[in-house]
Amino acid sequence: MITDKTLLRARAATRHQFLHSGFVDRDYRFIKYEGTFDGTLVFKRWCKGCKLIAYFDMADVQTILTCAWVDKDYMGLADIPIGAKLRLTFKNSKRDNIPFLRDVEIITLPGGDLG
């Protein structure tokens, strides 16, 4: 759990912040199938290639990560605070048949506020 107030307020962690955050990402994997899933945003960081990587603990016990790109305004994830409960929709790409994040809906924000 992230407690650093700078990281909690940031749109996403920088590489340096990520490396020094103590966040362990080794158990997080890309989702392998399409669908709509509920999960909690637990961390997010900037990565090369104008993308944001977001980490989620899902309601079904999975831990996943996903990418969002600047051309889609990061699917709104850059402005959603850590701890938010979200509904994520993944759909396969036509070319690679790999599921990509296609929609993000806020269920609740930290503190119980509705999105």
PDB file of N, CA and C in Angstrom:
ATOM      1  N   MET A   1       0.840  -1.186   0.000  1.00  0.00           N
ATOM      2  CA  MET A   1       0.000   0.000   0.000  1.00  0.00           C
ATOM      3  C   MET A   1       0.881   1.244   0.000  1.00  0.00           C
ATOM      4  N   ILE A   2       0.574   2.178  -0.871  1.00  0.00           N
ATOM      5  CA  ILE A   2       1.352   3.400  -1.010  1.00  0.00           C
ATOM      6  C   ILE A   2       0.865   4.417   0.017  1.00  0.00           C
ATOM      7  N   THR A   3       1.781   4.966   0.796  1.00  0.00           N
ATOM      8  CA  THR A   3       1.422   5.973   1.791  1.00  0.00           C
ATOM      9  C   THR A   3       2.107   7.309   1.533  1.00  0.00           C
ATOM     10  N   ASP A   4       3.070   7.351   0.629  1.00  0.00           N
ATOM     11  CA  ASP A   4       3.773   8.592   0.292  1.00  0.00           C
ATOM     12  C   ASP A   4       2.773   9.578  -0.300  1.00  0.00           C
ATOM     13  N   LYS A   5       2.562  10.713   0.384  1.00  0.00           N
ATOM     14  CA  LYS A   5       1.545  11.679  -0.053  1.00  0.00           C
ATOM     15  C   LYS A   5       1.871  12.282  -1.414  1.00  0.00           C
ATOM     16  N   THR A   6       3.159  12.432  -1.740  1.00  0.00           N
ATOM     17  CA  THR A   6       3.540  12.951  -3.053  1.00  0.00           C
ATOM     18  C   THR A   6       3.083  11.986  -4.146  1.00  0.00           C
ATOM     19  N   LEU A   7       3.292  10.694  -3.925  1.00  0.00           N
ATOM     20  CA  LEU A   7       2.870   9.700  -4.915  1.00  0.00           C
ATOM     21  C   LEU A   7       1.353   9.619  -4.997  1.00  0.00           C
ATOM     22  N   LEU A   8       0.672   9.742  -3.881  1.00  0.00           N
ATOM     23  CA  LEU A   8      -0.789   9.658  -3.891  1.00  0.00           C
ATOM     24  C   LEU A   8      -1.411  10.825  -4.652  1.00  0.00           C
ATOM     25  N   ARG A   9      -0.757  11.994  -4.636  1.00  0.00           N
ATOM     26  CA  ARG A   9      -1.286  13.173  -5.336  1.00  0.00           C
ATOM     27  C   ARG A   9      -0.825  13.254  -6.794  1.00  0.00           C
ATOM     28  N   ALA A  10       0.255  12.554  -7.127  1.00  0.00           N
ATOM     29  CA  ALA A  10       0.828  12.638  -8.477  1.00  0.00           C
ATOM     30  C   ALA A  10      -0.073  11.941  -9.496  1.00  0.00           C
ATOM     31  N   ARG A  11      -0.006  12.402 -10.744  1.00  0.00           N
ATOM     32  CA  ARG A  11      -0.746  11.727 -11.807  1.00  0.00           C
ATOM     33  C   ARG A  11      -0.237  10.303 -11.969  1.00  0.00           C
ATOM     34  N   ALA A  12       1.059  10.102 -11.803  1.00  0.00           N
ATOM     35  CA  ALA A  12       1.694   8.777 -11.835  1.00  0.00           C
ATOM     36  C   ALA A  12       3.130   8.955 -11.355  1.00  0.00           C
ATOM     37  N   ALA A  13       3.727   7.875 -10.897  1.00  0.00           N
ATOM     38  CA  ALA A  13       5.098   7.924 -10.396  1.00  0.00           C
ATOM     39  C   ALA A  13       6.088   8.028 -11.555  1.00  0.00           C
ATOM     40  N   THR A  14       7.140   8.777 -11.340  1.00  0.00           N
ATOM     41  CA  THR A  14       8.237   8.798 -12.292  1.00  0.00           C
ATOM     42  C   THR A  14       9.024   7.503 -12.132  1.00  0.00           C
ATOM     43  N   ARG A  15       9.963   7.256 -13.026  1.00  0.00           N
ATOM     44  CA  ARG A  15      10.801   6.057 -12.913  1.00  0.00           C
ATOM     45  C   ARG A  15      11.532   6.040 -11.582  1.00  0.00           C
ATOM     46  N   HIS A  16      12.099   7.178 -11.203  1.00  0.00           N
ATOM     47  CA  HIS A  16      12.835   7.286  -9.941  1.00  0.00           C
ATOM     48  C   HIS A  16      11.906   7.014  -8.744  1.00  0.00           C
ATOM     49  N   GLN A  17      10.731   7.635  -8.748  1.00  0.00           N
ATOM     50  CA  GLN A  17       9.772   7.405  -7.663  1.00  0.00           C
ATOM     51  C   GLN A  17       9.362   5.933  -7.595  1.00  0.00           C
ATOM     52  N   PHE A  18       9.135   5.326  -8.761  1.00  0.00           N
ATOM     53  CA  PHE A  18       8.761   3.911  -8.806  1.00  0.00           C
ATOM     54  C   PHE A  18       9.846   3.042  -8.182  1.00  0.00           C
ATOM     55  N   LEU A  19      11.081   3.271  -8.566  1.00  0.00           N
ATOM     56  CA  LEU A  19      12.190   2.460  -8.067  1.00  0.00           C
ATOM     57  C   LEU A  19      12.373   2.594  -6.557  1.00  0.00           C
ATOM     58  N   HIS A  20      11.994   3.736  -6.003  1.00  0.00           N
ATOM     59  CA  HIS A  20      12.181   3.979  -4.576  1.00  0.00           C
ATOM     60  C   HIS A  20      10.876   3.897  -3.770  1.00  0.00           C
ATOM     61  N   SER A  21       9.810   3.477  -4.395  1.00  0.00           N
ATOM     62  CA  SER A  21       8.504   3.456  -3.724  1.00  0.00           C
ATOM     63  C   SER A  21       8.298   2.251  -2.816  1.00  0.00           C
ATOM     64  N   GLY A  22       8.999   1.169  -3.110  1.00  0.00           N
ATOM     65  CA  GLY A  22       8.763  -0.063  -2.370  1.00  0.00           C
ATOM     66  C   GLY A  22       7.640  -0.899  -2.968  1.00  0.00           C
ATOM     67  N   PHE A  23       7.015  -0.401  -4.014  1.00  0.00           N
ATOM     68  CA  PHE A  23       5.945  -1.153  -4.670  1.00  0.00           C
ATOM     69  C   PHE A  23       6.556  -2.348  -5.395  1.00  0.00           C
ATOM     70  N   VAL A  24       6.010  -3.529  -5.162  1.00  0.00           N
ATOM     71  CA  VAL A  24       6.515  -4.759  -5.777  1.00  0.00           C
ATOM     72  C   VAL A  24       5.549  -5.161  -6.887  1.00  0.00           C
ATOM     73  N   ASP A  25       6.049  -5.185  -8.118  1.00  0.00           N
ATOM     74  CA  ASP A  25       5.179  -5.455  -9.268  1.00  0.00           C
ATOM     75  C   ASP A  25       5.360  -6.841  -9.873  1.00  0.00           C
ATOM     76  N   ARG A  26       6.140  -7.685  -9.257  1.00  0.00           N
ATOM     77  CA  ARG A  26       6.473  -8.974  -9.880  1.00  0.00           C
ATOM     78  C   ARG A  26       5.277  -9.914 -10.054  1.00  0.00           C
ATOM     79  N   ASP A  27       4.236  -9.770  -9.268  1.00  0.00           N
ATOM     80  CA  ASP A  27       3.067 -10.651  -9.391  1.00  0.00           C
ATOM     81  C   ASP A  27       1.994 -10.115 -10.331  1.00  0.00           C
ATOM     82  N   TYR A  28       2.219  -8.949 -10.912  1.00  0.00           N
ATOM     83  CA  TYR A  28       1.223  -8.349 -11.805  1.00  0.00           C
ATOM     84  C   TYR A  28       1.480  -8.798 -13.234  1.00  0.00           C
ATOM     85  N   ARG A  29       0.415  -9.180 -13.931  1.00  0.00           N
ATOM     86  CA  ARG A  29       0.498  -9.692 -15.304  1.00  0.00           C
ATOM     87  C   ARG A  29      -0.537  -8.989 -16.180  1.00  0.00           C
ATOM     88  N   PHE A  30      -0.262  -8.960 -17.478  1.00  0.00           N
ATOM     89  CA  PHE A  30      -1.255  -8.459 -18.423  1.00  0.00           C
ATOM     90  C   PHE A  30      -2.415  -9.442 -18.479  1.00  0.00           C
ATOM     91  N   ILE A  31      -3.610  -8.917 -18.614  1.00  0.00           N
ATOM     92  CA  ILE A  31      -4.800  -9.765 -18.688  1.00  0.00           C
ATOM     93  C   ILE A  31      -4.756 -10.555 -19.993  1.00  0.00           C
ATOM     94  N   LYS A  32      -5.299 -11.757 -19.987  1.00  0.00           N
ATOM     95  CA  LYS A  32      -5.204 -12.634 -21.152  1.00  0.00           C
ATOM     96  C   LYS A  32      -6.522 -12.797 -21.898  1.00  0.00           C
ATOM     97  N   TYR A  33      -7.595 -12.197 -21.402  1.00  0.00           N
ATOM     98  CA  TYR A  33      -8.884 -12.399 -22.062  1.00  0.00           C
ATOM     99  C   TYR A  33      -9.751 -11.144 -21.972  1.00  0.00           C
ATOM    100  N   GLU A  34     -10.686 -11.058 -22.908  1.00  0.00           N
ATOM    101  CA  GLU A  34     -11.617  -9.938 -22.958  1.00  0.00           C
ATOM    102  C   GLU A  34     -12.610 -10.004 -21.807  1.00  0.00           C
ATOM    103  N   GLY A  35     -13.214  -8.855 -21.533  1.00  0.00           N
ATOM    104  CA  GLY A  35     -14.285  -8.818 -20.552  1.00  0.00           C
ATOM    105  C   GLY A  35     -14.284  -7.524 -19.774  1.00  0.00           C
ATOM    106  N   THR A  36     -15.232  -7.426 -18.869  1.00  0.00           N
ATOM    107  CA  THR A  36     -15.354  -6.282 -17.985  1.00  0.00           C
ATOM    108  C   THR A  36     -15.139  -6.778 -16.560  1.00  0.00           C
ATOM    109  N   PHE A  37     -14.258  -6.104 -15.842  1.00  0.00           N
ATOM    110  CA  PHE A  37     -13.822  -6.557 -14.528  1.00  0.00           C
ATOM    111  C   PHE A  37     -13.752  -5.382 -13.571  1.00  0.00           C
ATOM    112  N   ASP A  38     -14.018  -5.638 -12.306  1.00  0.00           N
ATOM    113  CA  ASP A  38     -13.897  -4.622 -11.266  1.00  0.00           C
ATOM    114  C   ASP A  38     -12.577  -4.805 -10.545  1.00  0.00           C
ATOM    115  N   GLY A  39     -11.936  -3.685 -10.219  1.00  0.00           N
ATOM    116  CA  GLY A  39     -10.678  -3.753  -9.499  1.00  0.00           C
ATOM    117  C   GLY A  39     -10.344  -2.433  -8.829  1.00  0.00           C
ATOM    118  N   THR A  40      -9.317  -2.462  -8.008  1.00  0.00           N
ATOM    119  CA  THR A  40      -8.844  -1.277  -7.292  1.00  0.00           C
ATOM    120  C   THR A  40      -7.505  -0.846  -7.864  1.00  0.00           C
ATOM    121  N   LEU A  41      -7.388   0.418  -8.195  1.00  0.00           N
ATOM    122  CA  LEU A  41      -6.142   0.989  -8.696  1.00  0.00           C
ATOM    123  C   LEU A  41      -5.165   1.086  -7.525  1.00  0.00           C
ATOM    124  N   VAL A  42      -4.045   0.361  -7.612  1.00  0.00           N
ATOM    125  CA  VAL A  42      -3.104   0.327  -6.496  1.00  0.00           C
ATOM    126  C   VAL A  42      -1.797   1.069  -6.766  1.00  0.00           C
ATOM    127  N   PHE A  43      -1.463   1.300  -8.031  1.00  0.00           N
ATOM    128  CA  PHE A  43      -0.248   2.041  -8.358  1.00  0.00           C
ATOM    129  C   PHE A  43      -0.307   2.427  -9.826  1.00  0.00           C
ATOM    130  N   LYS A  44       0.405   3.485 -10.183  1.00  0.00           N
ATOM    131  CA  LYS A  44       0.531   3.870 -11.590  1.00  0.00           C
ATOM    132  C   LYS A  44       1.853   4.596 -11.778  1.00  0.00           C
ATOM    133  N   ARG A  45       2.439   4.371 -12.950  1.00  0.00           N
ATOM    134  CA  ARG A  45       3.740   4.975 -13.230  1.00  0.00           C
ATOM    135  C   ARG A  45       3.858   5.309 -14.703  1.00  0.00           C
ATOM    136  N   TRP A  46       4.704   6.294 -14.977  1.00  0.00           N
ATOM    137  CA  TRP A  46       5.009   6.652 -16.354  1.00  0.00           C
ATOM    138  C   TRP A  46       6.043   5.688 -16.900  1.00  0.00           C
ATOM    139  N   CYS A  47       5.975   5.455 -18.191  1.00  0.00           N
ATOM    140  CA  CYS A  47       6.912   4.556 -18.852  1.00  0.00           C
ATOM    141  C   CYS A  47       7.285   5.162 -20.199  1.00  0.00           C
ATOM    142  N   LYS A  48       8.382   4.705 -20.758  1.00  0.00           N
ATOM    143  CA  LYS A  48       8.804   5.181 -22.083  1.00  0.00           C
ATOM    144  C   LYS A  48       7.701   4.961 -23.100  1.00  0.00           C
ATOM    145  N   GLY A  49       7.724   5.751 -24.142  1.00  0.00           N
ATOM    146  CA  GLY A  49       6.756   5.587 -25.220  1.00  0.00           C
ATOM    147  C   GLY A  49       5.439   6.297 -24.937  1.00  0.00           C
ATOM    148  N   CYS A  50       5.467   7.339 -24.109  1.00  0.00           N
ATOM    149  CA  CYS A  50       4.257   8.117 -23.803  1.00  0.00           C
ATOM    150  C   CYS A  50       3.135   7.254 -23.264  1.00  0.00           C
ATOM    151  N   LYS A  51       3.471   6.346 -22.366  1.00  0.00           N
ATOM    152  CA  LYS A  51       2.414   5.515 -21.817  1.00  0.00           C
ATOM    153  C   LYS A  51       2.437   5.519 -20.299  1.00  0.00           C
ATOM    154  N   LEU A  52       1.308   5.175 -19.763  1.00  0.00           N
ATOM    155  CA  LEU A  52       1.120   5.042 -18.338  1.00  0.00           C
ATOM    156  C   LEU A  52       0.853   3.574 -18.058  1.00  0.00           C
ATOM    157  N   ILE A  53       1.482   3.033 -17.046  1.00  0.00           N
ATOM    158  CA  ILE A  53       1.223   1.658 -16.635  1.00  0.00           C
ATOM    159  C   ILE A  53       0.468   1.718 -15.318  1.00  0.00           C
ATOM    160  N   ALA A  54      -0.684   1.063 -15.276  1.00  0.00           N
ATOM    161  CA  ALA A  54      -1.525   1.053 -14.085  1.00  0.00           C
ATOM    162  C   ALA A  54      -1.630  -0.370 -13.553  1.00  0.00           C
ATOM    163  N   TYR A  55      -1.602  -0.491 -12.241  1.00  0.00           N
ATOM    164  CA  TYR A  55      -1.645  -1.785 -11.554  1.00  0.00           C
ATOM    165  C   TYR A  55      -2.956  -1.887 -10.781  1.00  0.00           C
ATOM    166  N   PHE A  56      -3.595  -3.047 -10.866  1.00  0.00           N
ATOM    167  CA  PHE A  56      -4.898  -3.253 -10.242  1.00  0.00           C
ATOM    168  C   PHE A  56      -4.935  -4.551  -9.458  1.00  0.00           C
ATOM    169  N   ASP A  57      -5.588  -4.487  -8.309  1.00  0.00           N
ATOM    170  CA  ASP A  57      -5.979  -5.689  -7.592  1.00  0.00           C
ATOM    171  C   ASP A  57      -7.443  -5.893  -7.956  1.00  0.00           C
ATOM    172  N   MET A  58      -7.725  -7.009  -8.608  1.00  0.00           N
ATOM    173  CA  MET A  58      -9.064  -7.261  -9.128  1.00  0.00           C
ATOM    174  C   MET A  58      -9.938  -7.936  -8.079  1.00  0.00           C
ATOM    175  N   ALA A  59     -11.236  -7.795  -8.236  1.00  0.00           N
ATOM    176  CA  ALA A  59     -12.200  -8.374  -7.304  1.00  0.00           C
ATOM    177  C   ALA A  59     -12.084  -9.899  -7.252  1.00  0.00           C
ATOM    178  N   ASP A  60     -11.631 -10.512  -8.359  1.00  0.00           N
ATOM    179  CA  ASP A  60     -11.518 -11.975  -8.395  1.00  0.00           C
ATOM    180  C   ASP A  60     -10.128 -12.469  -7.962  1.00  0.00           C
ATOM    181  N   VAL A  61      -9.377 -11.652  -7.257  1.00  0.00           N
ATOM    182  CA  VAL A  61      -8.081 -11.970  -6.666  1.00  0.00           C
ATOM    183  C   VAL A  61      -6.912 -11.860  -7.650  1.00  0.00           C
ATOM    184  N   GLN A  62      -7.165 -11.675  -8.921  1.00  0.00           N
ATOM    185  CA  GLN A  62      -6.070 -11.464  -9.869  1.00  0.00           C
ATOM    186  C   GLN A  62      -5.363 -10.154  -9.557  1.00  0.00           C
ATOM    187  N   THR A  63      -4.120 -10.070  -9.969  1.00  0.00           N
ATOM    188  CA  THR A  63      -3.396  -8.807  -9.963  1.00  0.00           C
ATOM    189  C   THR A  63      -2.961  -8.563 -11.399  1.00  0.00           C
ATOM    190  N   ILE A  64      -3.383  -7.439 -11.956  1.00  0.00           N
ATOM    191  CA  ILE A  64      -3.081  -7.169 -13.362  1.00  0.00           C
ATOM    192  C   ILE A  64      -2.434  -5.806 -13.520  1.00  0.00           C
ATOM    193  N   LEU A  65      -1.797  -5.644 -14.669  1.00  0.00           N
ATOM    194  CA  LEU A  65      -1.314  -4.337 -15.080  1.00  0.00           C
ATOM    195  C   LEU A  65      -1.798  -4.098 -16.492  1.00  0.00           C
ATOM    196  N   THR A  66      -1.914  -2.842 -16.831  1.00  0.00           N
ATOM    197  CA  THR A  66      -2.345  -2.491 -18.175  1.00  0.00           C
ATOM    198  C   THR A  66      -1.675  -1.188 -18.576  1.00  0.00           C
ATOM    199  N   CYS A  67      -1.609  -0.937 -19.865  1.00  0.00           N
ATOM    200  CA  CYS A  67      -1.017   0.287 -20.399  1.00  0.00           C
ATOM    201  C   CYS A  67      -2.114   1.201 -20.936  1.00  0.00           C
ATOM    202  N   ALA A  68      -1.856   2.495 -20.842  1.00  0.00           N
ATOM    203  CA  ALA A  68      -2.736   3.495 -21.439  1.00  0.00           C
ATOM    204  C   ALA A  68      -1.834   4.536 -22.102  1.00  0.00           C
ATOM    205  N   TRP A  69      -2.249   5.013 -23.271  1.00  0.00           N
ATOM    206  CA  TRP A  69      -1.404   5.900 -24.066  1.00  0.00           C
ATOM    207  C   TRP A  69      -1.961   7.312 -24.108  1.00  0.00           C
ATOM    208  N   VAL A  70      -1.050   8.260 -24.370  1.00  0.00           N
ATOM    209  CA  VAL A  70      -1.387   9.679 -24.410  1.00  0.00           C
ATOM    210  C   VAL A  70      -2.474   9.983 -25.445  1.00  0.00           C
ATOM    211  N   ASP A  71      -2.484   9.296 -26.585  1.00  0.00           N
ATOM    212  CA  ASP A  71      -3.472   9.603 -27.623  1.00  0.00           C
ATOM    213  C   ASP A  71      -4.907   9.290 -27.190  1.00  0.00           C
ATOM    214  N   LYS A  72      -5.078   8.519 -26.143  1.00  0.00           N
ATOM    215  CA  LYS A  72      -6.408   8.222 -25.578  1.00  0.00           C
ATOM    216  C   LYS A  72      -6.561   8.914 -24.219  1.00  0.00           C
ATOM    217  N   ASP A  73      -5.729   9.943 -23.961  1.00  0.00           N
ATOM    218  CA  ASP A  73      -5.717  10.669 -22.692  1.00  0.00           C
ATOM    219  C   ASP A  73      -5.564   9.714 -21.513  1.00  0.00           C
ATOM    220  N   TYR A  74      -4.787   8.667 -21.717  1.00  0.00           N
ATOM    221  CA  TYR A  74      -4.497   7.657 -20.691  1.00  0.00           C
ATOM    222  C   TYR A  74      -5.769   7.033 -20.118  1.00  0.00           C
ATOM    223  N   MET A  75      -6.845   7.035 -20.893  1.00  0.00           N
ATOM    224  CA  MET A  75      -8.135   6.460 -20.481  1.00  0.00           C
ATOM    225  C   MET A  75      -8.630   7.091 -19.179  1.00  0.00           C
ATOM    226  N   GLY A  76      -8.134   8.284 -18.871  1.00  0.00           N
ATOM    227  CA  GLY A  76      -8.517   8.978 -17.645  1.00  0.00           C
ATOM    228  C   GLY A  76      -7.748   8.521 -16.419  1.00  0.00           C
ATOM    229  N   LEU A  77      -6.943   7.479 -16.545  1.00  0.00           N
ATOM    230  CA  LEU A  77      -6.259   6.901 -15.394  1.00  0.00           C
ATOM    231  C   LEU A  77      -5.268   7.854 -14.730  1.00  0.00           C
ATOM    232  N   ALA A  78      -4.666   8.756 -15.495  1.00  0.00           N
ATOM    233  CA  ALA A  78      -3.693   9.674 -14.906  1.00  0.00           C
ATOM    234  C   ALA A  78      -4.341  10.570 -13.850  1.00  0.00           C
ATOM    235  N   ASP A  79      -5.620  10.849 -14.005  1.00  0.00           N
ATOM    236  CA  ASP A  79      -6.306  11.752 -13.079  1.00  0.00           C
ATOM    237  C   ASP A  79      -7.146  11.032 -12.030  1.00  0.00           C
ATOM    238  N   ILE A  80      -7.172   9.726 -12.054  1.00  0.00           N
ATOM    239  CA  ILE A  80      -7.929   8.945 -11.067  1.00  0.00           C
ATOM    240  C   ILE A  80      -6.988   8.587  -9.924  1.00  0.00           C
ATOM    241  N   PRO A  81      -7.385   8.863  -8.690  1.00  0.00           N
ATOM    242  CA  PRO A  81      -6.477   8.614  -7.565  1.00  0.00           C
ATOM    243  C   PRO A  81      -6.305   7.133  -7.242  1.00  0.00           C
ATOM    244  N   ILE A  82      -5.136   6.826  -6.709  1.00  0.00           N
ATOM    245  CA  ILE A  82      -4.858   5.474  -6.214  1.00  0.00           C
ATOM    246  C   ILE A  82      -5.890   5.158  -5.138  1.00  0.00           C
ATOM    247  N   GLY A  83      -6.376   3.940  -5.160  1.00  0.00           N
ATOM    248  CA  GLY A  83      -7.392   3.509  -4.205  1.00  0.00           C
ATOM    249  C   GLY A  83      -8.793   3.525  -4.780  1.00  0.00           C
ATOM    250  N   ALA A  84      -8.952   4.096  -5.983  1.00  0.00           N
ATOM    251  CA  ALA A  84     -10.268   4.126  -6.623  1.00  0.00           C
ATOM    252  C   ALA A  84     -10.668   2.730  -7.057  1.00  0.00           C
ATOM    253  N   LYS A  85     -11.936   2.437  -6.929  1.00  0.00           N
ATOM    254  CA  LYS A  85     -12.489   1.170  -7.436  1.00  0.00           C
ATOM    255  C   LYS A  85     -13.042   1.475  -8.824  1.00  0.00           C
ATOM    256  N   LEU A  86     -12.614   0.668  -9.799  1.00  0.00           N
ATOM    257  CA  LEU A  86     -12.938   0.934 -11.203  1.00  0.00           C
ATOM    258  C   LEU A  86     -13.529  -0.294 -11.876  1.00  0.00           C
ATOM    259  N   ARG A  87     -14.277  -0.050 -12.920  1.00  0.00           N
ATOM    260  CA  ARG A  87     -14.763  -1.111 -13.805  1.00  0.00           C
ATOM    261  C   ARG A  87     -13.982  -0.950 -15.108  1.00  0.00           C
ATOM    262  N   LEU A  88     -13.230  -1.977 -15.462  1.00  0.00           N
ATOM    263  CA  LEU A  88     -12.335  -1.943 -16.622  1.00  0.00           C
ATOM    264  C   LEU A  88     -12.863  -2.870 -17.705  1.00  0.00           C
ATOM    265  N   THR A  89     -12.886  -2.384 -18.930  1.00  0.00           N
ATOM    266  CA  THR A  89     -13.310  -3.213 -20.051  1.00  0.00           C
ATOM    267  C   THR A  89     -12.122  -3.426 -20.981  1.00  0.00           C
ATOM    268  N   PHE A  90     -11.863  -4.695 -21.264  1.00  0.00           N
ATOM    269  CA  PHE A  90     -10.783  -5.094 -22.162  1.00  0.00           C
ATOM    270  C   PHE A  90     -11.388  -5.755 -23.384  1.00  0.00           C
ATOM    271  N   LYS A  91     -10.908  -5.351 -24.565  1.00  0.00           N
ATOM    272  CA  LYS A  91     -11.350  -5.970 -25.817  1.00  0.00           C
ATOM    273  C   LYS A  91     -10.119  -6.319 -26.636  1.00  0.00           C
ATOM    274  N   ASN A  92     -10.213  -7.419 -27.355  1.00  0.00           N
ATOM    275  CA  ASN A  92      -9.101  -7.849 -28.198  1.00  0.00           C
ATOM    276  C   ASN A  92      -8.873  -6.882 -29.338  1.00  0.00           C
ATOM    277  N   SER A  93      -7.604  -6.683 -29.677  1.00  0.00           N
ATOM    278  CA  SER A  93      -7.276  -5.892 -30.859  1.00  0.00           C
ATOM    279  C   SER A  93      -7.601  -6.727 -32.094  1.00  0.00           C
ATOM    280  N   LYS A  94      -7.929  -6.063 -33.172  1.00  0.00           N
ATOM    281  CA  LYS A  94      -8.264  -6.784 -34.405  1.00  0.00           C
ATOM    282  C   LYS A  94      -7.031  -7.441 -35.018  1.00  0.00           C
ATOM    283  N   ARG A  95      -5.894  -6.803 -34.868  1.00  0.00           N
ATOM    284  CA  ARG A  95      -4.674  -7.294 -35.501  1.00  0.00           C
ATOM    285  C   ARG A  95      -4.016  -8.431 -34.725  1.00  0.00           C
ATOM    286  N   ASP A  96      -3.862  -8.255 -33.416  1.00  0.00           N
ATOM    287  CA  ASP A  96      -3.089  -9.221 -32.632  1.00  0.00           C
ATOM    288  C   ASP A  96      -3.926 -10.150 -31.766  1.00  0.00           C
ATOM    289  N   ASN A  97      -5.221  -9.878 -31.648  1.00  0.00           N
ATOM    290  CA  ASN A  97      -6.106 -10.667 -30.799  1.00  0.00           C
ATOM    291  C   ASN A  97      -5.616 -10.677 -29.339  1.00  0.00           C
ATOM    292  N   ILE A  98      -5.055  -9.531 -28.917  1.00  0.00           N
ATOM    293  CA  ILE A  98      -4.572  -9.344 -27.551  1.00  0.00           C
ATOM    294  C   ILE A  98      -5.499  -8.332 -26.880  1.00  0.00           C
ATOM    295  N   PRO A  99      -5.947  -8.609 -25.640  1.00  0.00           N
ATOM    296  CA  PRO A  99      -6.863  -7.665 -24.991  1.00  0.00           C
ATOM    297  C   PRO A  99      -6.174  -6.374 -24.557  1.00  0.00           C
ATOM    298  N   PHE A 100      -6.792  -5.259 -24.927  1.00  0.00           N
ATOM    299  CA  PHE A 100      -6.331  -3.927 -24.541  1.00  0.00           C
ATOM    300  C   PHE A 100      -7.433  -3.230 -23.775  1.00  0.00           C
ATOM    301  N   LEU A 101      -7.038  -2.325 -22.898  1.00  0.00           N
ATOM    302  CA  LEU A 101      -7.997  -1.545 -22.130  1.00  0.00           C
ATOM    303  C   LEU A 101      -8.772  -0.636 -23.069  1.00  0.00           C
ATOM    304  N   ARG A 102     -10.094  -0.715 -23.027  1.00  0.00           N
ATOM    305  CA  ARG A 102     -10.949   0.075 -23.921  1.00  0.00           C
ATOM    306  C   ARG A 102     -11.861   1.043 -23.192  1.00  0.00           C
ATOM    307  N   ASP A 103     -12.137   0.773 -21.897  1.00  0.00           N
ATOM    308  CA  ASP A 103     -13.028   1.676 -21.170  1.00  0.00           C
ATOM    309  C   ASP A 103     -12.727   1.588 -19.678  1.00  0.00           C
ATOM    310  N   VAL A 104     -12.851   2.725 -19.007  1.00  0.00           N
ATOM    311  CA  VAL A 104     -12.653   2.812 -17.565  1.00  0.00           C
ATOM    312  C   VAL A 104     -13.850   3.559 -16.988  1.00  0.00           C
ATOM    313  N   GLU A 105     -14.485   2.940 -16.007  1.00  0.00           N
ATOM    314  CA  GLU A 105     -15.620   3.566 -15.324  1.00  0.00           C
ATOM    315  C   GLU A 105     -15.301   3.597 -13.829  1.00  0.00           C
ATOM    316  N   ILE A 106     -15.479   4.759 -13.214  1.00  0.00           N
ATOM    317  CA  ILE A 106     -15.250   4.878 -11.780  1.00  0.00           C
ATOM    318  C   ILE A 106     -16.451   4.341 -11.024  1.00  0.00           C
ATOM    319  N   ILE A 107     -16.196   3.416 -10.097  1.00  0.00           N
ATOM    320  CA  ILE A 107     -17.253   2.900  -9.226  1.00  0.00           C
ATOM    321  C   ILE A 107     -17.287   3.741  -7.961  1.00  0.00           C
ATOM    322  N   THR A 108     -16.142   3.830  -7.261  1.00  0.00           N
ATOM    323  CA  THR A 108     -16.007   4.721  -6.105  1.00  0.00           C
ATOM    324  C   THR A 108     -14.586   5.251  -6.054  1.00  0.00           C
ATOM    325  N   LEU A 109     -14.464   6.435  -5.491  1.00  0.00           N
ATOM    326  CA  LEU A 109     -13.165   7.051  -5.272  1.00  0.00           C
ATOM    327  C   LEU A 109     -12.742   6.792  -3.832  1.00  0.00           C
ATOM    328  N   PRO A 110     -11.446   6.969  -3.517  1.00  0.00           N
ATOM    329  CA  PRO A 110     -11.022   6.766  -2.133  1.00  0.00           C
ATOM    330  C   PRO A 110     -11.861   7.647  -1.196  1.00  0.00           C
ATOM    331  N   GLY A 111     -12.232   7.119  -0.073  1.00  0.00           N
ATOM    332  CA  GLY A 111     -13.082   7.846   0.853  1.00  0.00           C
ATOM    333  C   GLY A 111     -14.542   7.555   0.643  1.00  0.00           C
ATOM    334  N   GLY A 112     -14.859   6.691  -0.353  1.00  0.00           N
ATOM    335  CA  GLY A 112     -16.231   6.269  -0.575  1.00  0.00           C
ATOM    336  C   GLY A 112     -17.041   7.147  -1.494  1.00  0.00           C
ATOM    337  N   ASP A 113     -16.440   8.218  -2.041  1.00  0.00           N
ATOM    338  CA  ASP A 113     -17.176   9.078  -2.964  1.00  0.00           C
ATOM    339  C   ASP A 113     -17.499   8.320  -4.235  1.00  0.00           C
ATOM    340  N   LEU A 114     -18.678   8.549  -4.773  1.00  0.00           N
ATOM    341  CA  LEU A 114     -19.050   7.934  -6.048  1.00  0.00           C
ATOM    342  C   LEU A 114     -18.372   8.691  -7.165  1.00  0.00           C
ATOM    343  N   GLY A 115     -17.971   7.946  -8.207  1.00  0.00           N
ATOM    344  CA  GLY A 115     -17.295   8.563  -9.348  1.00  0.00           C
ATOM    345  C   GLY A 115     -18.238   9.318 -10.233  1.00  0.00           C
TER     346      GLY A 115
END
